[in-house]
Amino acid sequence: MTTPTDLSNIKRCRRCGQRYDWRKSPSSTLKMTYCSSLCERADLGFTLEALLKFEPKRVAEEAPAAVE
């Protein structure tokens, strides 16, 4: 006897509607929502992985103004 496929791992992408196995999704943060990081970026405008790695530029500390 063959074992039926476990469909509990199959999700539908929120952006494109494609069915995918969420365990194999390359999106590391939104595996249960998007089939790929391309759909994640297209829907959100960015990927959460990129946002988590983002480091804002530090503003150079200005020298205190000289008191005249």
PDB file of N, CA and C in Angstrom:
ATOM      1  N   MET A   1       0.830  -1.183   0.000  1.00  0.00           N
ATOM      2  CA  MET A   1       0.000   0.000   0.000  1.00  0.00           C
ATOM      3  C   MET A   1       0.874   1.246   0.000  1.00  0.00           C
ATOM      4  N   THR A   2       0.437   2.231  -0.721  1.00  0.00           N
ATOM      5  CA  THR A   2       1.159   3.494  -0.718  1.00  0.00           C
ATOM      6  C   THR A   2       0.531   4.428   0.304  1.00  0.00           C
ATOM      7  N   THR A   3       1.372   5.234   0.918  1.00  0.00           N
ATOM      8  CA  THR A   3       0.895   6.185   1.909  1.00  0.00           C
ATOM      9  C   THR A   3       0.389   7.431   1.187  1.00  0.00           C
ATOM     10  N   PRO A   4      -0.802   7.909   1.514  1.00  0.00           N
ATOM     11  CA  PRO A   4      -1.296   9.122   0.862  1.00  0.00           C
ATOM     12  C   PRO A   4      -0.415  10.319   1.215  1.00  0.00           C
ATOM     13  N   THR A   5      -0.326  11.249   0.301  1.00  0.00           N
ATOM     14  CA  THR A   5       0.475  12.449   0.524  1.00  0.00           C
ATOM     15  C   THR A   5      -0.138  13.267   1.651  1.00  0.00           C
ATOM     16  N   ASP A   6       0.719  13.741   2.550  1.00  0.00           N
ATOM     17  CA  ASP A   6       0.263  14.570   3.661  1.00  0.00           C
ATOM     18  C   ASP A   6       0.075  15.996   3.150  1.00  0.00           C
ATOM     19  N   LEU A   7      -1.167  16.426   2.997  1.00  0.00           N
ATOM     20  CA  LEU A   7      -1.459  17.743   2.442  1.00  0.00           C
ATOM     21  C   LEU A   7      -1.427  18.861   3.482  1.00  0.00           C
ATOM     22  N   SER A   8      -1.182  18.517   4.751  1.00  0.00           N
ATOM     23  CA  SER A   8      -1.146  19.557   5.776  1.00  0.00           C
ATOM     24  C   SER A   8       0.062  20.476   5.608  1.00  0.00           C
ATOM     25  N   ASN A   9       1.068  20.043   4.846  1.00  0.00           N
ATOM     26  CA  ASN A   9       2.256  20.867   4.608  1.00  0.00           C
ATOM     27  C   ASN A   9       2.127  21.738   3.364  1.00  0.00           C
ATOM     28  N   ILE A  10       1.043  21.572   2.620  1.00  0.00           N
ATOM     29  CA  ILE A  10       0.848  22.335   1.392  1.00  0.00           C
ATOM     30  C   ILE A  10       0.052  23.597   1.717  1.00  0.00           C
ATOM     31  N   LYS A  11       0.630  24.735   1.384  1.00  0.00           N
ATOM     32  CA  LYS A  11      -0.011  26.034   1.607  1.00  0.00           C
ATOM     33  C   LYS A  11      -0.176  26.733   0.265  1.00  0.00           C
ATOM     34  N   ARG A  12      -0.948  27.807   0.243  1.00  0.00           N
ATOM     35  CA  ARG A  12      -1.130  28.604  -0.966  1.00  0.00           C
ATOM     36  C   ARG A  12      -0.499  29.971  -0.712  1.00  0.00           C
ATOM     37  N   CYS A  13       0.357  30.396  -1.642  1.00  0.00           N
ATOM     38  CA  CYS A  13       1.069  31.666  -1.520  1.00  0.00           C
ATOM     39  C   CYS A  13       0.079  32.825  -1.491  1.00  0.00           C
ATOM     40  N   ARG A  14       0.277  33.727  -0.552  1.00  0.00           N
ATOM     41  CA  ARG A  14      -0.598  34.888  -0.394  1.00  0.00           C
ATOM     42  C   ARG A  14      -0.509  35.825  -1.595  1.00  0.00           C
ATOM     43  N   ARG A  15       0.639  35.879  -2.243  1.00  0.00           N
ATOM     44  CA  ARG A  15       0.850  36.808  -3.364  1.00  0.00           C
ATOM     45  C   ARG A  15       0.408  36.222  -4.699  1.00  0.00           C
ATOM     46  N   CYS A  16       0.942  35.050  -5.062  1.00  0.00           N
ATOM     47  CA  CYS A  16       0.709  34.517  -6.411  1.00  0.00           C
ATOM     48  C   CYS A  16      -0.311  33.383  -6.461  1.00  0.00           C
ATOM     49  N   GLY A  17      -0.677  32.831  -5.309  1.00  0.00           N
ATOM     50  CA  GLY A  17      -1.663  31.762  -5.285  1.00  0.00           C
ATOM     51  C   GLY A  17      -1.105  30.381  -5.589  1.00  0.00           C
ATOM     52  N   GLN A  18       0.188  30.291  -5.838  1.00  0.00           N
ATOM     53  CA  GLN A  18       0.838  29.010  -6.134  1.00  0.00           C
ATOM     54  C   GLN A  18       0.822  28.122  -4.896  1.00  0.00           C
ATOM     55  N   ARG A  19       0.579  26.841  -5.078  1.00  0.00           N
ATOM     56  CA  ARG A  19       0.658  25.901  -3.961  1.00  0.00           C
ATOM     57  C   ARG A  19       2.110  25.504  -3.758  1.00  0.00           C
ATOM     58  N   TYR A  20       2.517  25.391  -2.498  1.00  0.00           N
ATOM     59  CA  TYR A  20       3.903  25.049  -2.184  1.00  0.00           C
ATOM     60  C   TYR A  20       3.964  24.327  -0.850  1.00  0.00           C
ATOM     61  N   ASP A  21       5.044  23.581  -0.664  1.00  0.00           N
ATOM     62  CA  ASP A  21       5.303  22.908   0.608  1.00  0.00           C
ATOM     63  C   ASP A  21       6.060  23.908   1.477  1.00  0.00           C
ATOM     64  N   TRP A  22       5.430  24.417   2.531  1.00  0.00           N
ATOM     65  CA  TRP A  22       6.021  25.480   3.337  1.00  0.00           C
ATOM     66  C   TRP A  22       7.361  25.089   3.940  1.00  0.00           C
ATOM     67  N   ARG A  23       7.614  23.788   4.123  1.00  0.00           N
ATOM     68  CA  ARG A  23       8.896  23.356   4.702  1.00  0.00           C
ATOM     69  C   ARG A  23      10.051  23.596   3.746  1.00  0.00           C
ATOM     70  N   LYS A  24       9.766  23.730   2.451  1.00  0.00           N
ATOM     71  CA  LYS A  24      10.812  23.926   1.448  1.00  0.00           C
ATOM     72  C   LYS A  24      10.879  25.371   0.959  1.00  0.00           C
ATOM     73  N   SER A  25      10.097  26.250   1.545  1.00  0.00           N
ATOM     74  CA  SER A  25      10.087  27.650   1.128  1.00  0.00           C
ATOM     75  C   SER A  25      11.411  28.319   1.480  1.00  0.00           C
ATOM     76  N   PRO A  26      12.026  29.047   0.526  1.00  0.00           N
ATOM     77  CA  PRO A  26      13.278  29.740   0.824  1.00  0.00           C
ATOM     78  C   PRO A  26      13.079  30.977   1.694  1.00  0.00           C
ATOM     79  N   SER A  27      11.854  31.405   1.872  1.00  0.00           N
ATOM     80  CA  SER A  27      11.586  32.546   2.743  1.00  0.00           C
ATOM     81  C   SER A  27      11.790  32.087   4.181  1.00  0.00           C
ATOM     82  N   SER A  28      12.844  32.579   4.815  1.00  0.00           N
ATOM     83  CA  SER A  28      13.176  32.072   6.148  1.00  0.00           C
ATOM     84  C   SER A  28      12.242  32.578   7.235  1.00  0.00           C
ATOM     85  N   THR A  29      11.575  33.699   7.015  1.00  0.00           N
ATOM     86  CA  THR A  29      10.739  34.259   8.071  1.00  0.00           C
ATOM     87  C   THR A  29       9.246  34.087   7.846  1.00  0.00           C
ATOM     88  N   LEU A  30       8.817  34.023   6.597  1.00  0.00           N
ATOM     89  CA  LEU A  30       7.384  33.923   6.318  1.00  0.00           C
ATOM     90  C   LEU A  30       7.052  32.663   5.529  1.00  0.00           C
ATOM     91  N   LYS A  31       7.566  31.535   5.958  1.00  0.00           N
ATOM     92  CA  LYS A  31       7.370  30.267   5.253  1.00  0.00           C
ATOM     93  C   LYS A  31       5.901  29.904   5.091  1.00  0.00           C
ATOM     94  N   MET A  32       5.072  30.295   6.029  1.00  0.00           N
ATOM     95  CA  MET A  32       3.664  29.917   5.987  1.00  0.00           C
ATOM     96  C   MET A  32       2.823  30.912   5.181  1.00  0.00           C
ATOM     97  N   THR A  33       3.448  31.954   4.626  1.00  0.00           N
ATOM     98  CA  THR A  33       2.707  32.996   3.918  1.00  0.00           C
ATOM     99  C   THR A  33       3.076  33.091   2.447  1.00  0.00           C
ATOM    100  N   TYR A  34       4.381  33.044   2.134  1.00  0.00           N
ATOM    101  CA  TYR A  34       4.855  33.234   0.758  1.00  0.00           C
ATOM    102  C   TYR A  34       5.653  32.029   0.283  1.00  0.00           C
ATOM    103  N   CYS A  35       5.539  31.733  -1.016  1.00  0.00           N
ATOM    104  CA  CYS A  35       6.244  30.588  -1.588  1.00  0.00           C
ATOM    105  C   CYS A  35       7.721  30.891  -1.811  1.00  0.00           C
ATOM    106  N   SER A  36       8.077  32.163  -1.927  1.00  0.00           N
ATOM    107  CA  SER A  36       9.473  32.527  -2.175  1.00  0.00           C
ATOM    108  C   SER A  36       9.749  33.931  -1.656  1.00  0.00           C
ATOM    109  N   SER A  37      11.024  34.263  -1.579  1.00  0.00           N
ATOM    110  CA  SER A  37      11.390  35.607  -1.142  1.00  0.00           C
ATOM    111  C   SER A  37      10.998  36.639  -2.197  1.00  0.00           C
ATOM    112  N   LEU A  38      10.861  36.223  -3.461  1.00  0.00           N
ATOM    113  CA  LEU A  38      10.417  37.151  -4.509  1.00  0.00           C
ATOM    114  C   LEU A  38       8.974  37.589  -4.262  1.00  0.00           C
ATOM    115  N   CYS A  39       8.112  36.651  -3.894  1.00  0.00           N
ATOM    116  CA  CYS A  39       6.720  37.002  -3.589  1.00  0.00           C
ATOM    117  C   CYS A  39       6.648  37.828  -2.310  1.00  0.00           C
ATOM    118  N   GLU A  40       7.481  37.507  -1.344  1.00  0.00           N
ATOM    119  CA  GLU A  40       7.525  38.262  -0.093  1.00  0.00           C
ATOM    120  C   GLU A  40       7.893  39.715  -0.383  1.00  0.00           C
ATOM    121  N   ARG A  41       8.926  39.912  -1.196  1.00  0.00           N
ATOM    122  CA  ARG A  41       9.374  41.272  -1.515  1.00  0.00           C
ATOM    123  C   ARG A  41       8.342  42.012  -2.365  1.00  0.00           C
ATOM    124  N   ALA A  42       7.742  41.325  -3.331  1.00  0.00           N
ATOM    125  CA  ALA A  42       6.751  41.963  -4.195  1.00  0.00           C
ATOM    126  C   ALA A  42       5.531  42.410  -3.397  1.00  0.00           C
ATOM    127  N   ASP A  43       5.138  41.642  -2.402  1.00  0.00           N
ATOM    128  CA  ASP A  43       3.950  41.968  -1.615  1.00  0.00           C
ATOM    129  C   ASP A  43       4.236  43.024  -0.555  1.00  0.00           C
ATOM    130  N   LEU A  44       5.373  42.904   0.129  1.00  0.00           N
ATOM    131  CA  LEU A  44       5.696  43.813   1.228  1.00  0.00           C
ATOM    132  C   LEU A  44       6.547  45.008   0.807  1.00  0.00           C
ATOM    133  N   GLY A  45       7.286  44.862  -0.293  1.00  0.00           N
ATOM    134  CA  GLY A  45       8.212  45.912  -0.711  1.00  0.00           C
ATOM    135  C   GLY A  45       9.616  45.675  -0.172  1.00  0.00           C
ATOM    136  N   PHE A  46       9.777  44.659   0.652  1.00  0.00           N
ATOM    137  CA  PHE A  46      11.064  44.284   1.228  1.00  0.00           C
ATOM    138  C   PHE A  46      10.919  42.870   1.764  1.00  0.00           C
ATOM    139  N   THR A  47      12.044  42.247   2.106  1.00  0.00           N
ATOM    140  CA  THR A  47      11.973  40.944   2.766  1.00  0.00           C
ATOM    141  C   THR A  47      12.282  41.151   4.240  1.00  0.00           C
ATOM    142  N   LEU A  48      11.662  40.379   5.087  1.00  0.00           N
ATOM    143  CA  LEU A  48      11.922  40.512   6.518  1.00  0.00           C
ATOM    144  C   LEU A  48      13.366  40.165   6.847  1.00  0.00           C
ATOM    145  N   GLU A  49      13.941  39.232   6.100  1.00  0.00           N
ATOM    146  CA  GLU A  49      15.342  38.872   6.319  1.00  0.00           C
ATOM    147  C   GLU A  49      16.253  40.075   6.077  1.00  0.00           C
ATOM    148  N   ALA A  50      15.991  40.825   4.999  1.00  0.00           N
ATOM    149  CA  ALA A  50      16.785  42.024   4.711  1.00  0.00           C
ATOM    150  C   ALA A  50      16.574  43.078   5.796  1.00  0.00           C
ATOM    151  N   LEU A  51      15.349  43.207   6.269  1.00  0.00           N
ATOM    152  CA  LEU A  51      15.050  44.169   7.319  1.00  0.00           C
ATOM    153  C   LEU A  51      15.780  43.822   8.615  1.00  0.00           C
ATOM    154  N   LEU A  52      15.832  42.536   8.938  1.00  0.00           N
ATOM    155  CA  LEU A  52      16.517  42.113  10.158  1.00  0.00           C
ATOM    156  C   LEU A  52      18.026  42.324  10.072  1.00  0.00           C
ATOM    157  N   LYS A  53      18.578  42.252   8.860  1.00  0.00           N
ATOM    158  CA  LYS A  53      20.020  42.435   8.671  1.00  0.00           C
ATOM    159  C   LYS A  53      20.403  43.897   8.476  1.00  0.00           C
ATOM    160  N   PHE A  54      19.409  44.765   8.280  1.00  0.00           N
ATOM    161  CA  PHE A  54      19.659  46.175   8.000  1.00  0.00           C
ATOM    162  C   PHE A  54      20.298  46.862   9.197  1.00  0.00           C
ATOM    163  N   GLU A  55      21.351  47.601   8.934  1.00  0.00           N
ATOM    164  CA  GLU A  55      21.996  48.398   9.971  1.00  0.00           C
ATOM    165  C   GLU A  55      21.999  49.846   9.505  1.00  0.00           C
ATOM    166  N   PRO A  56      21.267  50.703  10.198  1.00  0.00           N
ATOM    167  CA  PRO A  56      21.215  52.104   9.776  1.00  0.00           C
ATOM    168  C   PRO A  56      22.586  52.762   9.897  1.00  0.00           C
ATOM    169  N   LYS A  57      22.821  53.726   9.026  1.00  0.00           N
ATOM    170  CA  LYS A  57      24.086  54.457   9.087  1.00  0.00           C
ATOM    171  C   LYS A  57      24.094  55.293  10.346  1.00  0.00           C
ATOM    172  N   ARG A  58      25.227  55.288  11.009  1.00  0.00           N
ATOM    173  CA  ARG A  58      25.347  56.101  12.219  1.00  0.00           C
ATOM    174  C   ARG A  58      25.607  57.541  11.819  1.00  0.00           C
ATOM    175  N   VAL A  59      24.923  58.427  12.469  1.00  0.00           N
ATOM    176  CA  VAL A  59      25.127  59.843  12.210  1.00  0.00           C
ATOM    177  C   VAL A  59      26.406  60.245  12.924  1.00  0.00           C
ATOM    178  N   ALA A  60      27.300  60.875  12.179  1.00  0.00           N
ATOM    179  CA  ALA A  60      28.561  61.306  12.781  1.00  0.00           C
ATOM    180  C   ALA A  60      28.261  62.309  13.884  1.00  0.00           C
ATOM    181  N   GLU A  61      28.877  62.075  15.014  1.00  0.00           N
ATOM    182  CA  GLU A  61      28.652  62.991  16.127  1.00  0.00           C
ATOM    183  C   GLU A  61      29.315  64.321  15.807  1.00  0.00           C
ATOM    184  N   GLU A  62      28.533  65.370  15.935  1.00  0.00           N
ATOM    185  CA  GLU A  62      29.065  66.688  15.645  1.00  0.00           C
ATOM    186  C   GLU A  62      29.819  67.203  16.858  1.00  0.00           C
ATOM    187  N   ALA A  63      30.874  67.959  16.585  1.00  0.00           N
ATOM    188  CA  ALA A  63      31.639  68.566  17.674  1.00  0.00           C
ATOM    189  C   ALA A  63      30.755  69.611  18.339  1.00  0.00           C
ATOM    190  N   PRO A  64      30.849  69.743  19.651  1.00  0.00           N
ATOM    191  CA  PRO A  64      30.027  70.752  20.330  1.00  0.00           C
ATOM    192  C   PRO A  64      30.336  72.142  19.789  1.00  0.00           C
ATOM    193  N   ALA A  65      29.304  72.939  19.661  1.00  0.00           N
ATOM    194  CA  ALA A  65      29.481  74.294  19.134  1.00  0.00           C
ATOM    195  C   ALA A  65      30.327  75.112  20.101  1.00  0.00           C
ATOM    196  N   ALA A  66      31.233  75.876  19.535  1.00  0.00           N
ATOM    197  CA  ALA A  66      32.104  76.721  20.363  1.00  0.00           C
ATOM    198  C   ALA A  66      31.290  77.880  20.913  1.00  0.00           C
ATOM    199  N   VAL A  67      31.459  78.134  22.188  1.00  0.00           N
ATOM    200  CA  VAL A  67      30.747  79.240  22.828  1.00  0.00           C
ATOM    201  C   VAL A  67      31.568  80.495  22.603  1.00  0.00           C
ATOM    202  N   GLU A  68      30.938  81.498  22.047  1.00  0.00           N
ATOM    203  CA  GLU A  68      31.674  82.743  21.771  1.00  0.00           C
ATOM    204  C   GLU A  68      31.355  83.795  22.778  1.00  0.00           C
TER     205      GLU A  68
END
